Amino acid sequence: MEERRKINRVDFSANSVIVDRNTQEKYYGQVKNISPLGIAITVNGDTPSLVGKDVIVVAETLIMYADCIREDEDGENRTVAFCSKKFTNDVLQYLFDHIGSEEAI
């Protein structure tokens, strides 16, 4: 039996911030497309590799906890693909501790 429902990514244009949870480094990019299960963001080519990193992505009204699973070269830029993860209590606590502070995402 073929599954009739599909979750496809749709084009979505928004500025974004990617925060590496381990180093607290912030990287800025432009969202390329999005789905409930993942997001693709275009970043500058000089952004360090994010593959395998545990990150929090903020794009307009969206906050996603994710793993970076792939990077594709695109001229001077790179497209970075993220797969969403379920929020854990420590990640939620991190967000609550940093929202509204000078160290906010």
C-alpha atoms as a PDB file:
ATOM      1  CA  MET A   1       0.000   0.000   0.000  1.00  0.00           C
ATOM      2  CA  GLU A   2       1.369   3.405  -0.967  1.00  0.00           C
ATOM      3  CA  GLU A   3       1.420   6.181   1.619  1.00  0.00           C
ATOM      4  CA  ARG A   4      -0.781   9.025   0.400  1.00  0.00           C
ATOM      5  CA  ARG A   5       0.449  11.623   2.833  1.00  0.00           C
ATOM      6  CA  LYS A   6       3.829  13.189   2.233  1.00  0.00           C
ATOM      7  CA  ILE A   7       5.750  15.765   4.187  1.00  0.00           C
ATOM      8  CA  ASN A   8       7.587  17.829   1.614  1.00  0.00           C
ATOM      9  CA  ARG A   9       9.702  20.881   2.191  1.00  0.00           C
ATOM     10  CA  VAL A  10       8.233  24.140   0.954  1.00  0.00           C
ATOM     11  CA  ASP A  11      10.035  27.324  -0.038  1.00  0.00           C
ATOM     12  CA  PHE A  12      10.260  29.730   2.874  1.00  0.00           C
ATOM     13  CA  SER A  13      12.246  32.951   2.897  1.00  0.00           C
ATOM     14  CA  ALA A  14      13.396  34.188   6.303  1.00  0.00           C
ATOM     15  CA  ASN A  15      16.557  35.290   8.052  1.00  0.00           C
ATOM     16  CA  SER A  16      17.865  32.752  10.524  1.00  0.00           C
ATOM     17  CA  VAL A  17      20.318  32.233  13.351  1.00  0.00           C
ATOM     18  CA  ILE A  18      21.962  28.873  13.965  1.00  0.00           C
ATOM     19  CA  VAL A  19      23.367  28.384  17.473  1.00  0.00           C
ATOM     20  CA  ASP A  20      25.854  25.587  18.185  1.00  0.00           C
ATOM     21  CA  ARG A  21      24.777  24.333  21.614  1.00  0.00           C
ATOM     22  CA  ASN A  22      28.286  23.205  22.579  1.00  0.00           C
ATOM     23  CA  THR A  23      30.237  26.355  21.679  1.00  0.00           C
ATOM     24  CA  GLN A  24      27.426  28.963  21.784  1.00  0.00           C
ATOM     25  CA  GLU A  25      28.686  30.247  18.396  1.00  0.00           C
ATOM     26  CA  LYS A  26      26.042  31.926  16.239  1.00  0.00           C
ATOM     27  CA  TYR A  27      25.898  31.653  12.464  1.00  0.00           C
ATOM     28  CA  TYR A  28      23.549  33.685  10.292  1.00  0.00           C
ATOM     29  CA  GLY A  29      21.822  32.509   7.151  1.00  0.00           C
ATOM     30  CA  GLN A  30      18.802  32.620   4.902  1.00  0.00           C
ATOM     31  CA  VAL A  31      16.176  29.875   5.078  1.00  0.00           C
ATOM     32  CA  LYS A  32      15.796  28.120   1.737  1.00  0.00           C
ATOM     33  CA  ASN A  33      13.007  25.646   2.526  1.00  0.00           C
ATOM     34  CA  ILE A  34      11.291  24.070   5.504  1.00  0.00           C
ATOM     35  CA  SER A  35       9.101  21.170   6.650  1.00  0.00           C
ATOM     36  CA  PRO A  36       7.942  19.921  10.055  1.00  0.00           C
ATOM     37  CA  LEU A  37      10.858  17.478   9.968  1.00  0.00           C
ATOM     38  CA  GLY A  38      13.690  19.692   8.754  1.00  0.00           C
ATOM     39  CA  ILE A  39      14.998  22.910   7.320  1.00  0.00           C
ATOM     40  CA  ALA A  40      17.598  23.991   4.753  1.00  0.00           C
ATOM     41  CA  ILE A  41      19.535  27.207   5.283  1.00  0.00           C
ATOM     42  CA  THR A  42      22.022  28.998   3.040  1.00  0.00           C
ATOM     43  CA  VAL A  43      25.092  30.262   4.935  1.00  0.00           C
ATOM     44  CA  ASN A  44      28.296  32.022   3.865  1.00  0.00           C
ATOM     45  CA  GLY A  45      30.987  29.741   2.522  1.00  0.00           C
ATOM     46  CA  ASP A  46      33.345  30.719   5.361  1.00  0.00           C
ATOM     47  CA  THR A  47      30.959  29.346   8.010  1.00  0.00           C
ATOM     48  CA  PRO A  48      32.602  26.324   9.666  1.00  0.00           C
ATOM     49  CA  SER A  49      31.160  22.903   8.904  1.00  0.00           C
ATOM     50  CA  LEU A  50      28.063  22.216  10.989  1.00  0.00           C
ATOM     51  CA  VAL A  51      27.634  18.546  10.045  1.00  0.00           C
ATOM     52  CA  GLY A  52      27.051  16.453  13.151  1.00  0.00           C
ATOM     53  CA  LYS A  53      26.514  19.537  15.339  1.00  0.00           C
ATOM     54  CA  ASP A  54      23.741  19.832  17.904  1.00  0.00           C
ATOM     55  CA  VAL A  55      22.081  23.172  17.060  1.00  0.00           C
ATOM     56  CA  ILE A  56      19.119  25.393  17.734  1.00  0.00           C
ATOM     57  CA  VAL A  57      17.724  27.173  14.674  1.00  0.00           C
ATOM     58  CA  VAL A  58      15.693  30.376  14.987  1.00  0.00           C
ATOM     59  CA  ALA A  59      13.870  31.686  11.913  1.00  0.00           C
ATOM     60  CA  GLU A  60      11.221  34.364  12.440  1.00  0.00           C
ATOM     61  CA  THR A  61       8.564  32.641  14.577  1.00  0.00           C
ATOM     62  CA  LEU A  62      10.130  29.176  14.401  1.00  0.00           C
ATOM     63  CA  ILE A  63      12.522  27.570  16.872  1.00  0.00           C
ATOM     64  CA  MET A  64      13.866  24.144  15.912  1.00  0.00           C
ATOM     65  CA  TYR A  65      16.216  21.843  17.783  1.00  0.00           C
ATOM     66  CA  ALA A  66      18.145  19.957  15.104  1.00  0.00           C
ATOM     67  CA  ASP A  67      21.113  17.974  13.870  1.00  0.00           C
ATOM     68  CA  CYS A  68      23.020  19.123  10.817  1.00  0.00           C
ATOM     69  CA  ILE A  69      22.954  16.207   8.403  1.00  0.00           C
ATOM     70  CA  ARG A  70      24.320  17.549   5.105  1.00  0.00           C
ATOM     71  CA  GLU A  71      26.074  20.480   3.441  1.00  0.00           C
ATOM     72  CA  ASP A  72      26.107  21.263  -0.277  1.00  0.00           C
ATOM     73  CA  GLU A  73      28.449  23.785  -1.928  1.00  0.00           C
ATOM     74  CA  ASP A  74      26.649  26.517  -3.833  1.00  0.00           C
ATOM     75  CA  GLY A  75      29.282  28.877  -5.261  1.00  0.00           C
ATOM     76  CA  GLU A  76      30.362  31.273  -2.499  1.00  0.00           C
ATOM     77  CA  ASN A  77      27.678  29.912  -0.163  1.00  0.00           C
ATOM     78  CA  ARG A  78      26.697  26.530   1.270  1.00  0.00           C
ATOM     79  CA  THR A  79      23.267  25.056   1.799  1.00  0.00           C
ATOM     80  CA  VAL A  80      23.044  23.302   5.139  1.00  0.00           C
ATOM     81  CA  ALA A  81      20.325  20.700   5.800  1.00  0.00           C
ATOM     82  CA  PHE A  82      19.011  20.090   9.315  1.00  0.00           C
ATOM     83  CA  CYS A  83      16.836  17.282  10.669  1.00  0.00           C
ATOM     84  CA  SER A  84      14.591  18.258  13.560  1.00  0.00           C
ATOM     85  CA  LYS A  85      14.912  16.626  16.980  1.00  0.00           C
ATOM     86  CA  LYS A  86      12.508  16.393  19.878  1.00  0.00           C
ATOM     87  CA  PHE A  87      13.165  19.056  22.510  1.00  0.00           C
ATOM     88  CA  THR A  88      14.715  17.684  25.688  1.00  0.00           C
ATOM     89  CA  ASN A  89      14.259  19.213  29.132  1.00  0.00           C
ATOM     90  CA  ASP A  90      17.833  20.568  29.174  1.00  0.00           C
ATOM     91  CA  VAL A  91      17.400  22.248  25.769  1.00  0.00           C
ATOM     92  CA  LEU A  92      14.132  23.843  26.865  1.00  0.00           C
ATOM     93  CA  GLN A  93      15.794  25.022  30.086  1.00  0.00           C
ATOM     94  CA  TYR A  94      18.646  26.511  28.019  1.00  0.00           C
ATOM     95  CA  LEU A  95      16.120  28.435  25.906  1.00  0.00           C
ATOM     96  CA  PHE A  96      14.193  29.705  28.924  1.00  0.00           C
ATOM     97  CA  ASP A  97      17.423  30.787  30.645  1.00  0.00           C
ATOM     98  CA  HIS A  98      18.587  32.741  27.596  1.00  0.00           C
ATOM     99  CA  ILE A  99      15.370  34.302  26.308  1.00  0.00           C
ATOM    100  CA  GLY A 100      15.370  37.987  27.135  1.00  0.00           C
ATOM    101  CA  SER A 101      18.958  38.092  28.354  1.00  0.00           C
ATOM    102  CA  GLU A 102      21.845  39.847  26.647  1.00  0.00           C
ATOM    103  CA  GLU A 103      23.052  36.418  25.528  1.00  0.00           C
ATOM    104  CA  ALA A 104      19.765  35.687  23.758  1.00  0.00           C
ATOM    105  CA  ILE A 105      19.873  33.783  20.519  1.00  0.00           C
END
